[in-house]
Amino acid sequence: MNAKHTKILQAIFAKPTASSLRFADIESLVAALGGSVREGDGSRVALHLGGSIKHAHRPHPGKEAKKYQIEEIRLWLEAQGIRP
């Protein structure tokens, strides 16, 4: 995990929840943590990490993840024992 991934992780756990975090950055963080991102139908993706799967939709037409998505990702990462 490099410095960029560390900043992304800190942004996910920041309170109040960030509204300018790109969903692609979340995907790259999952990959850096040893997980994978699998494409689904349409904008659906499955984030795989440590035997756990988080299903999400890529935001469109914008690139920024919605606040509720970031909060769900935060809870999912915490369940995996990942914290900044």
N, C-alpha and C. Protein backbone atom coordinates (compact mmCIF):
# COMPACT_ATOMS: atom_id res chain seq x y z
N MET A 1 0.85 -1.17 0.00
CA MET A 1 0.00 0.00 0.00
C MET A 1 0.89 1.23 0.00
N ASN A 2 0.66 2.13 -0.95
CA ASN A 2 1.48 3.32 -1.03
C ASN A 2 0.79 4.51 -0.33
N ALA A 3 1.41 5.67 -0.41
CA ALA A 3 0.90 6.85 0.28
C ALA A 3 -0.49 7.25 -0.23
N LYS A 4 -0.74 7.08 -1.52
CA LYS A 4 -2.05 7.43 -2.09
C LYS A 4 -3.13 6.54 -1.48
N HIS A 5 -2.84 5.25 -1.35
CA HIS A 5 -3.82 4.34 -0.78
C HIS A 5 -4.07 4.65 0.70
N THR A 6 -3.04 5.06 1.40
CA THR A 6 -3.19 5.45 2.80
C THR A 6 -4.12 6.66 2.92
N LYS A 7 -3.97 7.63 2.03
CA LYS A 7 -4.84 8.81 2.04
C LYS A 7 -6.29 8.43 1.73
N ILE A 8 -6.47 7.51 0.80
CA ILE A 8 -7.83 7.05 0.47
C ILE A 8 -8.46 6.38 1.68
N LEU A 9 -7.70 5.52 2.35
CA LEU A 9 -8.21 4.84 3.53
C LEU A 9 -8.58 5.84 4.62
N GLN A 10 -7.74 6.85 4.82
CA GLN A 10 -8.04 7.89 5.81
C GLN A 10 -9.30 8.66 5.42
N ALA A 11 -9.48 8.91 4.12
CA ALA A 11 -10.67 9.63 3.65
C ALA A 11 -11.94 8.82 3.87
N ILE A 12 -11.84 7.50 3.71
CA ILE A 12 -13.01 6.64 3.94
C ILE A 12 -13.43 6.69 5.40
N PHE A 13 -12.45 6.73 6.30
CA PHE A 13 -12.74 6.72 7.73
C PHE A 13 -12.92 8.11 8.32
N ALA A 14 -12.79 9.16 7.52
CA ALA A 14 -12.93 10.54 8.02
C ALA A 14 -14.38 10.82 8.39
N LYS A 15 -14.55 11.61 9.43
CA LYS A 15 -15.87 12.07 9.84
C LYS A 15 -15.85 13.58 9.83
N PRO A 16 -16.77 14.27 9.23
CA PRO A 16 -17.91 13.76 8.50
C PRO A 16 -17.49 13.06 7.21
N THR A 17 -18.38 12.26 6.69
CA THR A 17 -18.09 11.46 5.51
C THR A 17 -17.79 12.35 4.31
N ALA A 18 -16.69 12.03 3.63
CA ALA A 18 -16.27 12.81 2.46
C ALA A 18 -17.27 12.64 1.32
N SER A 19 -17.39 13.67 0.50
CA SER A 19 -18.29 13.58 -0.65
C SER A 19 -17.52 13.71 -1.96
N SER A 20 -16.21 13.75 -1.89
CA SER A 20 -15.42 13.96 -3.11
C SER A 20 -14.47 12.80 -3.39
N LEU A 21 -14.75 11.64 -2.85
CA LEU A 21 -13.90 10.48 -3.04
C LEU A 21 -14.34 9.73 -4.29
N ARG A 22 -13.41 9.53 -5.21
CA ARG A 22 -13.74 8.84 -6.45
C ARG A 22 -13.91 7.34 -6.20
N PHE A 23 -14.91 6.74 -6.84
CA PHE A 23 -15.15 5.32 -6.66
C PHE A 23 -13.98 4.50 -7.19
N ALA A 24 -13.33 4.97 -8.24
CA ALA A 24 -12.16 4.27 -8.79
C ALA A 24 -11.04 4.20 -7.76
N ASP A 25 -10.92 5.21 -6.91
CA ASP A 25 -9.91 5.19 -5.85
C ASP A 25 -10.23 4.10 -4.82
N ILE A 26 -11.50 3.90 -4.53
CA ILE A 26 -11.90 2.83 -3.61
C ILE A 26 -11.54 1.48 -4.21
N GLU A 27 -11.79 1.32 -5.50
CA GLU A 27 -11.45 0.07 -6.18
C GLU A 27 -9.94 -0.18 -6.14
N SER A 28 -9.14 0.85 -6.35
CA SER A 28 -7.69 0.67 -6.32
C SER A 28 -7.21 0.35 -4.90
N LEU A 29 -7.87 0.89 -3.88
CA LEU A 29 -7.52 0.56 -2.50
C LEU A 29 -7.79 -0.91 -2.21
N VAL A 30 -8.93 -1.41 -2.66
CA VAL A 30 -9.26 -2.83 -2.45
C VAL A 30 -8.20 -3.71 -3.10
N ALA A 31 -7.78 -3.35 -4.30
CA ALA A 31 -6.74 -4.12 -4.99
C ALA A 31 -5.41 -4.05 -4.23
N ALA A 32 -5.09 -2.88 -3.69
CA ALA A 32 -3.84 -2.71 -2.95
C ALA A 32 -3.85 -3.50 -1.64
N LEU A 33 -5.03 -3.74 -1.09
CA LEU A 33 -5.15 -4.50 0.14
C LEU A 33 -5.15 -6.01 -0.12
N GLY A 34 -5.00 -6.39 -1.38
CA GLY A 34 -4.94 -7.80 -1.73
C GLY A 34 -6.26 -8.37 -2.21
N GLY A 35 -7.24 -7.51 -2.41
CA GLY A 35 -8.54 -7.95 -2.89
C GLY A 35 -8.64 -7.85 -4.40
N SER A 36 -9.85 -8.00 -4.88
CA SER A 36 -10.08 -7.88 -6.33
C SER A 36 -11.42 -7.22 -6.58
N VAL A 37 -11.56 -6.70 -7.79
CA VAL A 37 -12.80 -6.06 -8.22
C VAL A 37 -13.30 -6.83 -9.42
N ARG A 38 -14.53 -7.32 -9.33
CA ARG A 38 -15.11 -8.08 -10.44
C ARG A 38 -16.29 -7.33 -11.01
N GLU A 39 -16.33 -7.27 -12.32
CA GLU A 39 -17.40 -6.57 -13.03
C GLU A 39 -18.69 -7.38 -12.99
N GLY A 40 -19.81 -6.69 -12.87
CA GLY A 40 -21.12 -7.32 -12.94
C GLY A 40 -21.88 -6.74 -14.12
N ASP A 41 -23.18 -6.84 -14.07
CA ASP A 41 -24.01 -6.28 -15.12
C ASP A 41 -24.12 -4.77 -14.94
N GLY A 42 -24.03 -4.05 -16.04
CA GLY A 42 -24.16 -2.60 -16.00
C GLY A 42 -23.07 -1.96 -15.17
N SER A 43 -23.48 -1.19 -14.17
CA SER A 43 -22.51 -0.49 -13.32
C SER A 43 -22.22 -1.26 -12.03
N ARG A 44 -22.71 -2.47 -11.93
CA ARG A 44 -22.53 -3.27 -10.71
C ARG A 44 -21.12 -3.85 -10.65
N VAL A 45 -20.52 -3.79 -9.46
CA VAL A 45 -19.21 -4.39 -9.22
C VAL A 45 -19.27 -5.17 -7.91
N ALA A 46 -18.40 -6.16 -7.81
CA ALA A 46 -18.26 -6.93 -6.57
C ALA A 46 -16.84 -6.74 -6.07
N LEU A 47 -16.72 -6.24 -4.87
CA LEU A 47 -15.42 -6.03 -4.25
C LEU A 47 -15.14 -7.24 -3.36
N HIS A 48 -14.08 -7.96 -3.65
CA HIS A 48 -13.70 -9.16 -2.90
C HIS A 48 -12.48 -8.84 -2.05
N LEU A 49 -12.58 -9.15 -0.75
CA LEU A 49 -11.45 -8.91 0.14
C LEU A 49 -11.55 -9.86 1.33
N GLY A 50 -10.54 -10.67 1.51
CA GLY A 50 -10.47 -11.55 2.66
C GLY A 50 -11.64 -12.51 2.80
N GLY A 51 -12.14 -13.03 1.71
CA GLY A 51 -13.26 -13.96 1.76
C GLY A 51 -14.62 -13.30 1.89
N SER A 52 -14.66 -11.99 1.92
CA SER A 52 -15.90 -11.24 2.02
C SER A 52 -16.16 -10.50 0.71
N ILE A 53 -17.43 -10.35 0.38
CA ILE A 53 -17.80 -9.67 -0.86
C ILE A 53 -18.72 -8.50 -0.53
N LYS A 54 -18.43 -7.36 -1.15
CA LYS A 54 -19.27 -6.16 -1.03
C LYS A 54 -19.75 -5.79 -2.42
N HIS A 55 -21.05 -5.84 -2.63
CA HIS A 55 -21.61 -5.46 -3.93
C HIS A 55 -21.92 -3.97 -3.91
N ALA A 56 -21.63 -3.32 -5.02
CA ALA A 56 -21.88 -1.88 -5.13
C ALA A 56 -22.15 -1.52 -6.58
N HIS A 57 -22.63 -0.32 -6.79
CA HIS A 57 -22.84 0.22 -8.13
C HIS A 57 -21.90 1.40 -8.31
N ARG A 58 -21.23 1.43 -9.45
CA ARG A 58 -20.41 2.60 -9.76
C ARG A 58 -21.34 3.78 -9.99
N PRO A 59 -20.99 4.91 -9.42
CA PRO A 59 -21.85 6.09 -9.62
C PRO A 59 -21.76 6.57 -11.06
N HIS A 60 -22.87 7.09 -11.55
CA HIS A 60 -22.88 7.67 -12.88
C HIS A 60 -23.98 8.71 -12.91
N PRO A 61 -23.87 9.78 -13.59
CA PRO A 61 -22.82 10.08 -14.56
C PRO A 61 -21.54 10.59 -13.92
N GLY A 62 -21.53 10.93 -12.64
CA GLY A 62 -20.32 11.44 -11.99
C GLY A 62 -19.38 10.30 -11.61
N LYS A 63 -18.23 10.67 -11.06
CA LYS A 63 -17.23 9.69 -10.67
C LYS A 63 -17.12 9.53 -9.16
N GLU A 64 -17.71 10.48 -8.41
CA GLU A 64 -17.57 10.47 -6.97
C GLU A 64 -18.54 9.48 -6.33
N ALA A 65 -18.03 8.75 -5.34
CA ALA A 65 -18.87 7.81 -4.60
C ALA A 65 -19.85 8.61 -3.74
N LYS A 66 -21.04 8.08 -3.59
CA LYS A 66 -22.04 8.71 -2.73
C LYS A 66 -21.65 8.50 -1.27
N LYS A 67 -22.14 9.38 -0.41
CA LYS A 67 -21.80 9.29 1.01
C LYS A 67 -22.22 7.94 1.60
N TYR A 68 -23.40 7.46 1.23
CA TYR A 68 -23.86 6.19 1.79
C TYR A 68 -22.96 5.04 1.34
N GLN A 69 -22.41 5.14 0.12
CA GLN A 69 -21.51 4.09 -0.36
C GLN A 69 -20.22 4.10 0.46
N ILE A 70 -19.69 5.27 0.73
CA ILE A 70 -18.46 5.37 1.52
C ILE A 70 -18.70 4.83 2.93
N GLU A 71 -19.84 5.14 3.52
CA GLU A 71 -20.16 4.64 4.86
C GLU A 71 -20.29 3.12 4.86
N GLU A 72 -20.90 2.55 3.80
CA GLU A 72 -21.01 1.09 3.71
C GLU A 72 -19.65 0.45 3.53
N ILE A 73 -18.78 1.06 2.73
CA ILE A 73 -17.43 0.55 2.53
C ILE A 73 -16.66 0.61 3.85
N ARG A 74 -16.84 1.70 4.60
CA ARG A 74 -16.17 1.84 5.91
C ARG A 74 -16.55 0.68 6.82
N LEU A 75 -17.85 0.39 6.92
CA LEU A 75 -18.30 -0.71 7.78
C LEU A 75 -17.76 -2.05 7.29
N TRP A 76 -17.72 -2.24 5.98
CA TRP A 76 -17.21 -3.48 5.39
C TRP A 76 -15.73 -3.66 5.71
N LEU A 77 -14.95 -2.58 5.58
CA LEU A 77 -13.53 -2.65 5.90
C LEU A 77 -13.31 -2.90 7.39
N GLU A 78 -14.09 -2.25 8.23
CA GLU A 78 -13.98 -2.48 9.68
C GLU A 78 -14.26 -3.93 10.02
N ALA A 79 -15.24 -4.53 9.36
CA ALA A 79 -15.56 -5.95 9.60
C ALA A 79 -14.39 -6.85 9.20
N GLN A 80 -13.57 -6.38 8.26
CA GLN A 80 -12.39 -7.14 7.83
C GLN A 80 -11.18 -6.86 8.73
N GLY A 81 -11.36 -5.95 9.70
CA GLY A 81 -10.27 -5.60 10.60
C GLY A 81 -9.32 -4.56 10.03
N ILE A 82 -9.77 -3.83 9.03
CA ILE A 82 -8.93 -2.82 8.38
C ILE A 82 -9.34 -1.44 8.89
N ARG A 83 -8.34 -0.73 9.40
CA ARG A 83 -8.52 0.63 9.88
C ARG A 83 -7.30 1.44 9.49
N PRO A 84 -7.45 2.77 9.41
CA PRO A 84 -6.28 3.58 9.04
C PRO A 84 -5.22 3.59 10.12
